[in-house]
């Protein structure tokens, strides 16, 4: 059966002081997840474990994102997380360093036939 996309949610997260790209990514994922209460698995008659979750993270230093640690955010489903160049690093005006801004797209799919 083909992988069929049924939901996309977007979020943004920051690391204001520590320049922690994983924490900013975590907050972006949570922002996307916590703004919905869509019960996709139940709507299609699937167990929650059948959800295929692709989370795409955009930050200025994607190599500093611990994608394995981010999988723990998802209480069920099959998460796959990738980090790529995106987001923003904003210089701090009165001190050294940057504020890290991460963007996330969380895509939920199932292995099923698309509707005709």
Foldseek 3Di string as FASTA:
>chain_A
DDKFWDDKFKFKAKDAPDPQQQRRQLRGVCRRVVVDDDPVCVVVVHPQQQKEKEKEKAWQCQVRHPQVVSVVSDPHYHYDYGYDHDFDWAADDPDGGTMIMMMMMIIIIGPDDDDD
